[in-house]
Amino acid sequence: NKELAQPTDIDAIVASAVSESQKVELYTASRLTIDPGT
């Protein structure tokens, strides 16, 4: 609920991925959450 109340900080999310594996995991987690139907 706290995260929902805050605006999305995509800059902070992207900046937190400091390795290639973390970048892959961030995208994978996002892709796992949504099926890009829109």
Full PDB file with SEQRES, HELIX, SHEET, SSBOND, CRYST1, ORIGX, SCALE, CONECT and MASTER records, all heavy atoms in Angstrom:
SEQRES   1 A   38  ASN LYS GLU LEU ALA GLN PRO THR ASP ILE ASP ALA ILE          
SEQRES   2 A   38  VAL ALA SER ALA VAL SER GLU SER GLN LYS VAL GLU LEU          
SEQRES   3 A   38  TYR THR ALA SER ARG LEU THR ILE ASP PRO GLY THR              
HELIX    1 AA1 LYS A    2  ALA A    5  1                                   4    
HELIX    2 AA2 ILE A   10  ALA A   15  1                                   6    
HELIX    3 AA3 GLU A   20  THR A   33  1                                  14    
CRYST1    1.000    1.000    1.000  90.00  90.00  90.00 P 1           1          
ORIGX1      1.000000  0.000000  0.000000        0.00000                         
ORIGX2      0.000000  1.000000  0.000000        0.00000                         
ORIGX3      0.000000  0.000000  1.000000        0.00000                         
SCALE1      1.000000  0.000000  0.000000        0.00000                         
SCALE2      0.000000  1.000000  0.000000        0.00000                         
SCALE3      0.000000  0.000000  1.000000        0.00000                         
ATOM      1  N   ASN A   1       0.822  -1.218   0.000  1.00  0.00           N  
ATOM      2  CA  ASN A   1       0.000   0.000   0.000  1.00  0.00           C  
ATOM      3  C   ASN A   1       0.854   1.264   0.000  1.00  0.00           C  
ATOM      4  O   ASN A   1       0.508   2.246  -0.657  1.00  0.00           O  
ATOM      5  CB  ASN A   1      -0.965  -0.003   1.186  1.00  0.00           C  
ATOM      6  CG  ASN A   1      -2.055  -1.037   1.015  1.00  0.00           C  
ATOM      7  OD1 ASN A   1      -2.457  -1.351  -0.106  1.00  0.00           O  
ATOM      8  ND2 ASN A   1      -2.522  -1.588   2.116  1.00  0.00           N  
ATOM      9  N   LYS A   2       1.979   1.232   0.715  1.00  0.00           N  
ATOM     10  CA  LYS A   2       2.892   2.385   0.721  1.00  0.00           C  
ATOM     11  C   LYS A   2       3.457   2.625  -0.679  1.00  0.00           C  
ATOM     12  O   LYS A   2       3.512   3.752  -1.153  1.00  0.00           O  
ATOM     13  CB  LYS A   2       4.027   2.132   1.713  1.00  0.00           C  
ATOM     14  CG  LYS A   2       5.055   3.238   1.760  1.00  0.00           C  
ATOM     15  CD  LYS A   2       6.175   2.888   2.728  1.00  0.00           C  
ATOM     16  CE  LYS A   2       7.343   3.811   2.494  1.00  0.00           C  
ATOM     17  NZ  LYS A   2       8.611   3.151   2.614  1.00  0.00           N  
ATOM     18  N   GLU A   3       3.859   1.542  -1.340  1.00  0.00           N  
ATOM     19  CA  GLU A   3       4.401   1.669  -2.693  1.00  0.00           C  
ATOM     20  C   GLU A   3       3.345   2.171  -3.679  1.00  0.00           C  
ATOM     21  O   GLU A   3       3.645   2.950  -4.577  1.00  0.00           O  
ATOM     22  CB  GLU A   3       4.981   0.342  -3.169  1.00  0.00           C  
ATOM     23  CG  GLU A   3       6.253  -0.058  -2.459  1.00  0.00           C  
ATOM     24  CD  GLU A   3       7.381   0.942  -2.632  1.00  0.00           C  
ATOM     25  OE1 GLU A   3       7.619   1.399  -3.772  1.00  0.00           O  
ATOM     26  OE2 GLU A   3       8.024   1.282  -1.626  1.00  0.00           O  
ATOM     27  N   LEU A   4       2.111   1.729  -3.511  1.00  0.00           N  
ATOM     28  CA  LEU A   4       1.026   2.176  -4.391  1.00  0.00           C  
ATOM     29  C   LEU A   4       0.733   3.660  -4.211  1.00  0.00           C  
ATOM     30  O   LEU A   4       0.333   4.336  -5.157  1.00  0.00           O  
ATOM     31  CB  LEU A   4      -0.244   1.364  -4.148  1.00  0.00           C  
ATOM     32  CG  LEU A   4      -0.229  -0.066  -4.648  1.00  0.00           C  
ATOM     33  CD1 LEU A   4      -1.526  -0.758  -4.264  1.00  0.00           C  
ATOM     34  CD2 LEU A   4      -0.028  -0.126  -6.152  1.00  0.00           C  
ATOM     35  N   ALA A   5       0.926   4.157  -2.993  1.00  0.00           N  
ATOM     36  CA  ALA A   5       0.643   5.567  -2.703  1.00  0.00           C  
ATOM     37  C   ALA A   5       1.712   6.500  -3.261  1.00  0.00           C  
ATOM     38  O   ALA A   5       1.470   7.694  -3.419  1.00  0.00           O  
ATOM     39  CB  ALA A   5       0.507   5.765  -1.194  1.00  0.00           C  
ATOM     40  N   GLN A   6       2.868   5.961  -3.570  1.00  0.00           N  
ATOM     41  CA  GLN A   6       3.967   6.776  -4.082  1.00  0.00           C  
ATOM     42  C   GLN A   6       4.006   6.705  -5.605  1.00  0.00           C  
ATOM     43  O   GLN A   6       3.681   5.674  -6.194  1.00  0.00           O  
ATOM     44  CB  GLN A   6       5.301   6.271  -3.533  1.00  0.00           C  
ATOM     45  CG  GLN A   6       5.415   6.357  -2.040  1.00  0.00           C  
ATOM     46  CD  GLN A   6       6.734   5.793  -1.548  1.00  0.00           C  
ATOM     47  OE1 GLN A   6       7.681   5.641  -2.294  1.00  0.00           O  
ATOM     48  NE2 GLN A   6       6.795   5.484  -0.268  1.00  0.00           N  
ATOM     49  N   PRO A   7       4.433   7.786  -6.239  1.00  0.00           N  
ATOM     50  CA  PRO A   7       4.606   7.707  -7.697  1.00  0.00           C  
ATOM     51  C   PRO A   7       5.754   6.763  -8.039  1.00  0.00           C  
ATOM     52  O   PRO A   7       6.688   6.590  -7.255  1.00  0.00           O  
ATOM     53  CB  PRO A   7       4.938   9.147  -8.105  1.00  0.00           C  
ATOM     54  CG  PRO A   7       5.341   9.839  -6.857  1.00  0.00           C  
ATOM     55  CD  PRO A   7       4.761   9.086  -5.701  1.00  0.00           C  
ATOM     56  N   THR A   8       5.644   6.138  -9.187  1.00  0.00           N  
ATOM     57  CA  THR A   8       6.694   5.234  -9.651  1.00  0.00           C  
ATOM     58  C   THR A   8       7.954   6.035  -9.962  1.00  0.00           C  
ATOM     59  O   THR A   8       7.899   7.029 -10.673  1.00  0.00           O  
ATOM     60  CB  THR A   8       6.235   4.493 -10.920  1.00  0.00           C  
ATOM     61  OG1 THR A   8       5.074   3.732 -10.589  1.00  0.00           O  
ATOM     62  CG2 THR A   8       7.307   3.575 -11.443  1.00  0.00           C  
ATOM     63  N   ASP A   9       9.072   5.603  -9.421  1.00  0.00           N  
ATOM     64  CA  ASP A   9      10.353   6.248  -9.692  1.00  0.00           C  
ATOM     65  C   ASP A   9      11.173   5.306 -10.573  1.00  0.00           C  
ATOM     66  O   ASP A   9      12.017   4.552 -10.088  1.00  0.00           O  
ATOM     67  CB  ASP A   9      11.076   6.567  -8.392  1.00  0.00           C  
ATOM     68  CG  ASP A   9      12.351   7.373  -8.605  1.00  0.00           C  
ATOM     69  OD1 ASP A   9      12.759   7.575  -9.776  1.00  0.00           O  
ATOM     70  OD2 ASP A   9      12.951   7.795  -7.599  1.00  0.00           O  
ATOM     71  N   ILE A  10      10.880   5.345 -11.860  1.00  0.00           N  
ATOM     72  CA  ILE A  10      11.556   4.447 -12.793  1.00  0.00           C  
ATOM     73  C   ILE A  10      13.065   4.695 -12.813  1.00  0.00           C  
ATOM     74  O   ILE A  10      13.849   3.770 -12.989  1.00  0.00           O  
ATOM     75  CB  ILE A  10      10.937   4.529 -14.210  1.00  0.00           C  
ATOM     76  CG1 ILE A  10      11.406   3.357 -15.078  1.00  0.00           C  
ATOM     77  CG2 ILE A  10      11.243   5.834 -14.879  1.00  0.00           C  
ATOM     78  CD1 ILE A  10      10.913   2.034 -14.642  1.00  0.00           C  
ATOM     79  N   ASP A  11      13.474   5.945 -12.599  1.00  0.00           N  
ATOM     80  CA  ASP A  11      14.910   6.250 -12.557  1.00  0.00           C  
ATOM     81  C   ASP A  11      15.594   5.480 -11.429  1.00  0.00           C  
ATOM     82  O   ASP A  11      16.672   4.919 -11.622  1.00  0.00           O  
ATOM     83  CB  ASP A  11      15.149   7.751 -12.379  1.00  0.00           C  
ATOM     84  CG  ASP A  11      14.728   8.562 -13.587  1.00  0.00           C  
ATOM     85  OD1 ASP A  11      14.778   8.030 -14.717  1.00  0.00           O  
ATOM     86  OD2 ASP A  11      14.328   9.724 -13.410  1.00  0.00           O  
ATOM     87  N   ALA A  12      14.972   5.434 -10.257  1.00  0.00           N  
ATOM     88  CA  ALA A  12      15.552   4.719  -9.118  1.00  0.00           C  
ATOM     89  C   ALA A  12      15.558   3.211  -9.369  1.00  0.00           C  
ATOM     90  O   ALA A  12      16.521   2.527  -9.018  1.00  0.00           O  
ATOM     91  CB  ALA A  12      14.784   5.039  -7.838  1.00  0.00           C  
ATOM     92  N   ILE A  13      14.495   2.708  -9.978  1.00  0.00           N  
ATOM     93  CA  ILE A  13      14.427   1.275 -10.272  1.00  0.00           C  
ATOM     94  C   ILE A  13      15.544   0.892 -11.229  1.00  0.00           C  
ATOM     95  O   ILE A  13      16.287  -0.065 -10.985  1.00  0.00           O  
ATOM     96  CB  ILE A  13      13.042   0.903 -10.843  1.00  0.00           C  
ATOM     97  CG1 ILE A  13      11.973   1.031  -9.748  1.00  0.00           C  
ATOM     98  CG2 ILE A  13      13.049  -0.504 -11.430  1.00  0.00           C  
ATOM     99  CD1 ILE A  13      10.547   0.906 -10.242  1.00  0.00           C  
ATOM    100  N   VAL A  14      15.690   1.639 -12.299  1.00  0.00           N  
ATOM    101  CA  VAL A  14      16.728   1.340 -13.296  1.00  0.00           C  
ATOM    102  C   VAL A  14      18.122   1.504 -12.689  1.00  0.00           C  
ATOM    103  O   VAL A  14      18.999   0.665 -12.902  1.00  0.00           O  
ATOM    104  CB  VAL A  14      16.544   2.227 -14.547  1.00  0.00           C  
ATOM    105  CG1 VAL A  14      17.747   2.138 -15.471  1.00  0.00           C  
ATOM    106  CG2 VAL A  14      15.268   1.839 -15.290  1.00  0.00           C  
ATOM    107  N   ALA A  15      18.325   2.564 -11.906  1.00  0.00           N  
ATOM    108  CA  ALA A  15      19.645   2.827 -11.317  1.00  0.00           C  
ATOM    109  C   ALA A  15      20.062   1.748 -10.327  1.00  0.00           C  
ATOM    110  O   ALA A  15      21.256   1.522 -10.105  1.00  0.00           O  
ATOM    111  CB  ALA A  15      19.661   4.189 -10.636  1.00  0.00           C  
ATOM    112  N   SER A  16      19.100   1.046  -9.746  1.00  0.00           N  
ATOM    113  CA  SER A  16      19.433   0.026  -8.755  1.00  0.00           C  
ATOM    114  C   SER A  16      20.033  -1.228  -9.386  1.00  0.00           C  
ATOM    115  O   SER A  16      20.651  -2.033  -8.691  1.00  0.00           O  
ATOM    116  CB  SER A  16      18.194  -0.353  -7.947  1.00  0.00           C  
ATOM    117  OG  SER A  16      17.300  -1.070  -8.755  1.00  0.00           O  
ATOM    118  N   ALA A  17      19.857  -1.406 -10.678  1.00  0.00           N  
ATOM    119  CA  ALA A  17      20.418  -2.565 -11.372  1.00  0.00           C  
ATOM    120  C   ALA A  17      21.851  -2.248 -11.760  1.00  0.00           C  
ATOM    121  O   ALA A  17      22.102  -1.534 -12.720  1.00  0.00           O  
ATOM    122  CB  ALA A  17      19.590  -2.902 -12.602  1.00  0.00           C  
ATOM    123  N   VAL A  18      22.794  -2.788 -10.986  1.00  0.00           N  
ATOM    124  CA  VAL A  18      24.196  -2.447 -11.198  1.00  0.00           C  
ATOM    125  C   VAL A  18      24.970  -3.521 -11.957  1.00  0.00           C  
ATOM    126  O   VAL A  18      26.133  -3.324 -12.281  1.00  0.00           O  
ATOM    127  CB  VAL A  18      24.904  -2.131  -9.858  1.00  0.00           C  
ATOM    128  CG1 VAL A  18      24.303  -0.888  -9.218  1.00  0.00           C  
ATOM    129  CG2 VAL A  18      24.824  -3.312  -8.905  1.00  0.00           C  
ATOM    130  N   SER A  19      24.331  -4.642 -12.230  1.00  0.00           N  
ATOM    131  CA  SER A  19      24.992  -5.703 -12.994  1.00  0.00           C  
ATOM    132  C   SER A  19      24.071  -6.158 -14.111  1.00  0.00           C  
ATOM    133  O   SER A  19      22.867  -5.890 -14.094  1.00  0.00           O  
ATOM    134  CB  SER A  19      25.333  -6.893 -12.089  1.00  0.00           C  
ATOM    135  OG  SER A  19      24.141  -7.539 -11.660  1.00  0.00           O  
ATOM    136  N   GLU A  20      24.628  -6.861 -15.056  1.00  0.00           N  
ATOM    137  CA  GLU A  20      23.824  -7.368 -16.163  1.00  0.00           C  
ATOM    138  C   GLU A  20      22.757  -8.337 -15.663  1.00  0.00           C  
ATOM    139  O   GLU A  20      21.619  -8.305 -16.115  1.00  0.00           O  
ATOM    140  CB  GLU A  20      24.719  -8.035 -17.212  1.00  0.00           C  
ATOM    141  CG  GLU A  20      24.006  -8.300 -18.508  1.00  0.00           C  
ATOM    142  CD  GLU A  20      24.968  -8.626 -19.630  1.00  0.00           C  
ATOM    143  OE1 GLU A  20      26.108  -9.042 -19.384  1.00  0.00           O  
ATOM    144  OE2 GLU A  20      24.542  -8.459 -20.785  1.00  0.00           O  
ATOM    145  N   SER A  21      23.114  -9.171 -14.698  1.00  0.00           N  
ATOM    146  CA  SER A  21      22.136 -10.126 -14.170  1.00  0.00           C  
ATOM    147  C   SER A  21      20.988  -9.397 -13.475  1.00  0.00           C  
ATOM    148  O   SER A  21      19.823  -9.791 -13.613  1.00  0.00           O  
ATOM    149  CB  SER A  21      22.793 -11.127 -13.223  1.00  0.00           C  
ATOM    150  OG  SER A  21      23.376 -10.489 -12.115  1.00  0.00           O  
ATOM    151  N   GLN A  22      21.267  -8.305 -12.764  1.00  0.00           N  
ATOM    152  CA  GLN A  22      20.201  -7.547 -12.121  1.00  0.00           C  
ATOM    153  C   GLN A  22      19.299  -6.876 -13.157  1.00  0.00           C  
ATOM    154  O   GLN A  22      18.080  -6.818 -12.976  1.00  0.00           O  
ATOM    155  CB  GLN A  22      20.781  -6.509 -11.158  1.00  0.00           C  
ATOM    156  CG  GLN A  22      21.334  -7.127  -9.903  1.00  0.00           C  
ATOM    157  CD  GLN A  22      21.873  -6.102  -8.934  1.00  0.00           C  
ATOM    158  OE1 GLN A  22      22.210  -4.966  -9.302  1.00  0.00           O  
ATOM    159  NE2 GLN A  22      21.986  -6.480  -7.670  1.00  0.00           N  
ATOM    160  N   LYS A  23      19.880  -6.389 -14.235  1.00  0.00           N  
ATOM    161  CA  LYS A  23      19.073  -5.797 -15.304  1.00  0.00           C  
ATOM    162  C   LYS A  23      18.130  -6.838 -15.895  1.00  0.00           C  
ATOM    163  O   LYS A  23      16.949  -6.571 -16.125  1.00  0.00           O  
ATOM    164  CB  LYS A  23      19.973  -5.219 -16.395  1.00  0.00           C  
ATOM    165  CG  LYS A  23      20.741  -3.992 -15.956  1.00  0.00           C  
ATOM    166  CD  LYS A  23      21.673  -3.520 -17.055  1.00  0.00           C  
ATOM    167  CE  LYS A  23      22.484  -2.327 -16.600  1.00  0.00           C  
ATOM    168  NZ  LYS A  23      23.340  -1.804 -17.678  1.00  0.00           N  
ATOM    169  N   VAL A  24      18.654  -8.035 -16.132  1.00  0.00           N  
ATOM    170  CA  VAL A  24      17.834  -9.119 -16.678  1.00  0.00           C  
ATOM    171  C   VAL A  24      16.730  -9.475 -15.690  1.00  0.00           C  
ATOM    172  O   VAL A  24      15.573  -9.660 -16.072  1.00  0.00           O  
ATOM    173  CB  VAL A  24      18.708 -10.345 -17.031  1.00  0.00           C  
ATOM    174  CG1 VAL A  24      17.845 -11.564 -17.333  1.00  0.00           C  
ATOM    175  CG2 VAL A  24      19.622 -10.025 -18.207  1.00  0.00           C  
ATOM    176  N   GLU A  25      17.056  -9.559 -14.405  1.00  0.00           N  
ATOM    177  CA  GLU A  25      16.050  -9.900 -13.403  1.00  0.00           C  
ATOM    178  C   GLU A  25      14.971  -8.821 -13.283  1.00  0.00           C  
ATOM    179  O   GLU A  25      13.798  -9.152 -13.108  1.00  0.00           O  
ATOM    180  CB  GLU A  25      16.696 -10.157 -12.051  1.00  0.00           C  
ATOM    181  CG  GLU A  25      17.403 -11.495 -11.982  1.00  0.00           C  
ATOM    182  CD  GLU A  25      17.850 -11.838 -10.588  1.00  0.00           C  
ATOM    183  OE1 GLU A  25      16.987 -11.941  -9.697  1.00  0.00           O  
ATOM    184  OE2 GLU A  25      19.070 -11.990 -10.398  1.00  0.00           O  
ATOM    185  N   LEU A  26      15.347  -7.563 -13.369  1.00  0.00           N  
ATOM    186  CA  LEU A  26      14.346  -6.485 -13.314  1.00  0.00           C  
ATOM    187  C   LEU A  26      13.360  -6.598 -14.466  1.00  0.00           C  
ATOM    188  O   LEU A  26      12.146  -6.504 -14.270  1.00  0.00           O  
ATOM    189  CB  LEU A  26      15.023  -5.107 -13.363  1.00  0.00           C  
ATOM    190  CG  LEU A  26      15.427  -4.491 -12.050  1.00  0.00           C  
ATOM    191  CD1 LEU A  26      16.087  -3.136 -12.279  1.00  0.00           C  
ATOM    192  CD2 LEU A  26      14.262  -4.359 -11.107  1.00  0.00           C  
ATOM    193  N   TYR A  27      13.893  -6.802 -15.665  1.00  0.00           N  
ATOM    194  CA  TYR A  27      12.998  -6.936 -16.816  1.00  0.00           C  
ATOM    195  C   TYR A  27      12.163  -8.215 -16.681  1.00  0.00           C  
ATOM    196  O   TYR A  27      10.959  -8.204 -16.940  1.00  0.00           O  
ATOM    197  CB  TYR A  27      13.782  -6.943 -18.135  1.00  0.00           C  
ATOM    198  CG  TYR A  27      12.839  -7.010 -19.315  1.00  0.00           C  
ATOM    199  CD1 TYR A  27      12.288  -5.846 -19.834  1.00  0.00           C  
ATOM    200  CD2 TYR A  27      12.455  -8.232 -19.871  1.00  0.00           C  
ATOM    201  CE1 TYR A  27      11.380  -5.896 -20.890  1.00  0.00           C  
ATOM    202  CE2 TYR A  27      11.561  -8.299 -20.919  1.00  0.00           C  
ATOM    203  CZ  TYR A  27      11.031  -7.127 -21.429  1.00  0.00           C  
ATOM    204  OH  TYR A  27      10.123  -7.184 -22.460  1.00  0.00           O  
ATOM    205  N   THR A  28      12.779  -9.314 -16.248  1.00  0.00           N  
ATOM    206  CA  THR A  28      12.060 -10.573 -16.102  1.00  0.00           C  
ATOM    207  C   THR A  28      10.933 -10.448 -15.083  1.00  0.00           C  
ATOM    208  O   THR A  28       9.814 -10.898 -15.328  1.00  0.00           O  
ATOM    209  CB  THR A  28      13.027 -11.709 -15.692  1.00  0.00           C  
ATOM    210  OG1 THR A  28      14.052 -11.834 -16.682  1.00  0.00           O  
ATOM    211  CG2 THR A  28      12.298 -13.032 -15.544  1.00  0.00           C  
ATOM    212  N   ALA A  29      11.195  -9.806 -13.942  1.00  0.00           N  
ATOM    213  CA  ALA A  29      10.159  -9.614 -12.920  1.00  0.00           C  
ATOM    214  C   ALA A  29       9.012  -8.782 -13.478  1.00  0.00           C  
ATOM    215  O   ALA A  29       7.837  -9.089 -13.246  1.00  0.00           O  
ATOM    216  CB  ALA A  29      10.752  -8.939 -11.687  1.00  0.00           C  
ATOM    217  N   SER A  30       9.341  -7.748 -14.226  1.00  0.00           N  
ATOM    218  CA  SER A  30       8.315  -6.897 -14.824  1.00  0.00           C  
ATOM    219  C   SER A  30       7.499  -7.663 -15.850  1.00  0.00           C  
ATOM    220  O   SER A  30       6.261  -7.578 -15.884  1.00  0.00           O  
ATOM    221  CB  SER A  30       8.958  -5.666 -15.467  1.00  0.00           C  
ATOM    222  OG  SER A  30       9.636  -4.906 -14.489  1.00  0.00           O  
ATOM    223  N   ARG A  31       8.174  -8.430 -16.682  1.00  0.00           N  
ATOM    224  CA  ARG A  31       7.501  -9.202 -17.733  1.00  0.00           C  
ATOM    225  C   ARG A  31       6.658 -10.318 -17.145  1.00  0.00           C  
ATOM    226  O   ARG A  31       5.585 -10.636 -17.644  1.00  0.00           O  
ATOM    227  CB  ARG A  31       8.544  -9.763 -18.699  1.00  0.00           C  
ATOM    228  CG  ARG A  31       8.002 -10.648 -19.805  1.00  0.00           C  
ATOM    229  CD  ARG A  31       6.946  -9.929 -20.650  1.00  0.00           C  
ATOM    230  NE  ARG A  31       6.438 -10.802 -21.675  1.00  0.00           N  
ATOM    231  CZ  ARG A  31       5.455 -11.686 -21.511  1.00  0.00           C  
ATOM    232  NH1 ARG A  31       4.869 -11.811 -20.348  1.00  0.00           N  
ATOM    233  NH2 ARG A  31       5.058 -12.436 -22.525  1.00  0.00           N  
ATOM    234  N   LEU A  32       7.123 -10.883 -16.038  1.00  0.00           N  
ATOM    235  CA  LEU A  32       6.368 -11.925 -15.364  1.00  0.00           C  
ATOM    236  C   LEU A  32       5.077 -11.363 -14.762  1.00  0.00           C  
ATOM    237  O   LEU A  32       4.069 -12.062 -14.693  1.00  0.00           O  
ATOM    238  CB  LEU A  32       7.232 -12.552 -14.270  1.00  0.00           C  
ATOM    239  CG  LEU A  32       6.692 -13.771 -13.536  1.00  0.00           C  
ATOM    240  CD1 LEU A  32       6.437 -14.917 -14.516  1.00  0.00           C  
ATOM    241  CD2 LEU A  32       7.666 -14.212 -12.469  1.00  0.00           C  
ATOM    242  N   THR A  33       5.107 -10.112 -14.363  1.00  0.00           N  
ATOM    243  CA  THR A  33       3.955  -9.477 -13.738  1.00  0.00           C  
ATOM    244  C   THR A  33       2.847  -9.188 -14.734  1.00  0.00           C  
ATOM    245  O   THR A  33       1.667  -9.327 -14.413  1.00  0.00           O  
ATOM    246  CB  THR A  33       4.375  -8.163 -13.043  1.00  0.00           C  
ATOM    247  OG1 THR A  33       5.415  -8.458 -12.122  1.00  0.00           O  
ATOM    248  CG2 THR A  33       3.213  -7.523 -12.315  1.00  0.00           C  
ATOM    249  N   ILE A  34       3.216  -8.771 -15.931  1.00  0.00           N  
ATOM    250  CA  ILE A  34       2.202  -8.408 -16.922  1.00  0.00           C  
ATOM    251  C   ILE A  34       2.381  -9.209 -18.199  1.00  0.00           C  
ATOM    252  O   ILE A  34       3.481  -9.582 -18.567  1.00  0.00           O  
ATOM    253  CB  ILE A  34       2.217  -6.895 -17.244  1.00  0.00           C  
ATOM    254  CG1 ILE A  34       3.582  -6.433 -17.751  1.00  0.00           C  
ATOM    255  CG2 ILE A  34       1.778  -6.092 -16.038  1.00  0.00           C  
ATOM    256  CD1 ILE A  34       3.638  -4.976 -18.175  1.00  0.00           C  
ATOM    257  N   ASP A  35       1.266  -9.465 -18.836  1.00  0.00           N  
ATOM    258  CA  ASP A  35       1.273 -10.059 -20.163  1.00  0.00           C  
ATOM    259  C   ASP A  35       0.935  -8.898 -21.079  1.00  0.00           C  
ATOM    260  O   ASP A  35      -0.183  -8.391 -21.030  1.00  0.00           O  
ATOM    261  CB  ASP A  35       0.225 -11.172 -20.253  1.00  0.00           C  
ATOM    262  CG  ASP A  35       0.374 -11.997 -21.505  1.00  0.00           C  
ATOM    263  OD1 ASP A  35       1.387 -11.841 -22.202  1.00  0.00           O  
ATOM    264  OD2 ASP A  35      -0.519 -12.806 -21.767  1.00  0.00           O  
ATOM    265  N   PRO A  36       1.882  -8.438 -21.869  1.00  0.00           N  
ATOM    266  CA  PRO A  36       1.694  -7.175 -22.602  1.00  0.00           C  
ATOM    267  C   PRO A  36       0.565  -7.226 -23.634  1.00  0.00           C  
ATOM    268  O   PRO A  36       0.798  -7.235 -24.831  1.00  0.00           O  
ATOM    269  CB  PRO A  36       3.055  -6.938 -23.246  1.00  0.00           C  
ATOM    270  CG  PRO A  36       3.667  -8.284 -23.349  1.00  0.00           C  
ATOM    271  CD  PRO A  36       3.153  -9.066 -22.179  1.00  0.00           C  
ATOM    272  N   GLY A  37      -0.662  -7.245 -23.118  1.00  0.00           N  
ATOM    273  CA  GLY A  37      -1.826  -7.301 -23.986  1.00  0.00           C  
ATOM    274  C   GLY A  37      -2.339  -5.940 -24.404  1.00  0.00           C  
ATOM    275  O   GLY A  37      -3.223  -5.845 -25.252  1.00  0.00           O  
ATOM    276  N   THR A  38      -1.803  -4.897 -23.802  1.00  0.00           N  
ATOM    277  CA  THR A  38      -2.209  -3.540 -24.189  1.00  0.00           C  
ATOM    278  C   THR A  38      -0.988  -2.766 -24.666  1.00  0.00           C  
ATOM    279  O   THR A  38       0.152  -3.117 -24.352  1.00  0.00           O  
ATOM    280  CB  THR A  38      -2.840  -2.774 -23.001  1.00  0.00           C  
ATOM    281  OG1 THR A  38      -1.828  -2.526 -22.011  1.00  0.00           O  
ATOM    282  CG2 THR A  38      -3.999  -3.554 -22.378  1.00  0.00           C  
TER     283      THR A  38                                                      
MASTER        0    0    0    3    0    0    0    6  282    1    0    3          
END                                                                             
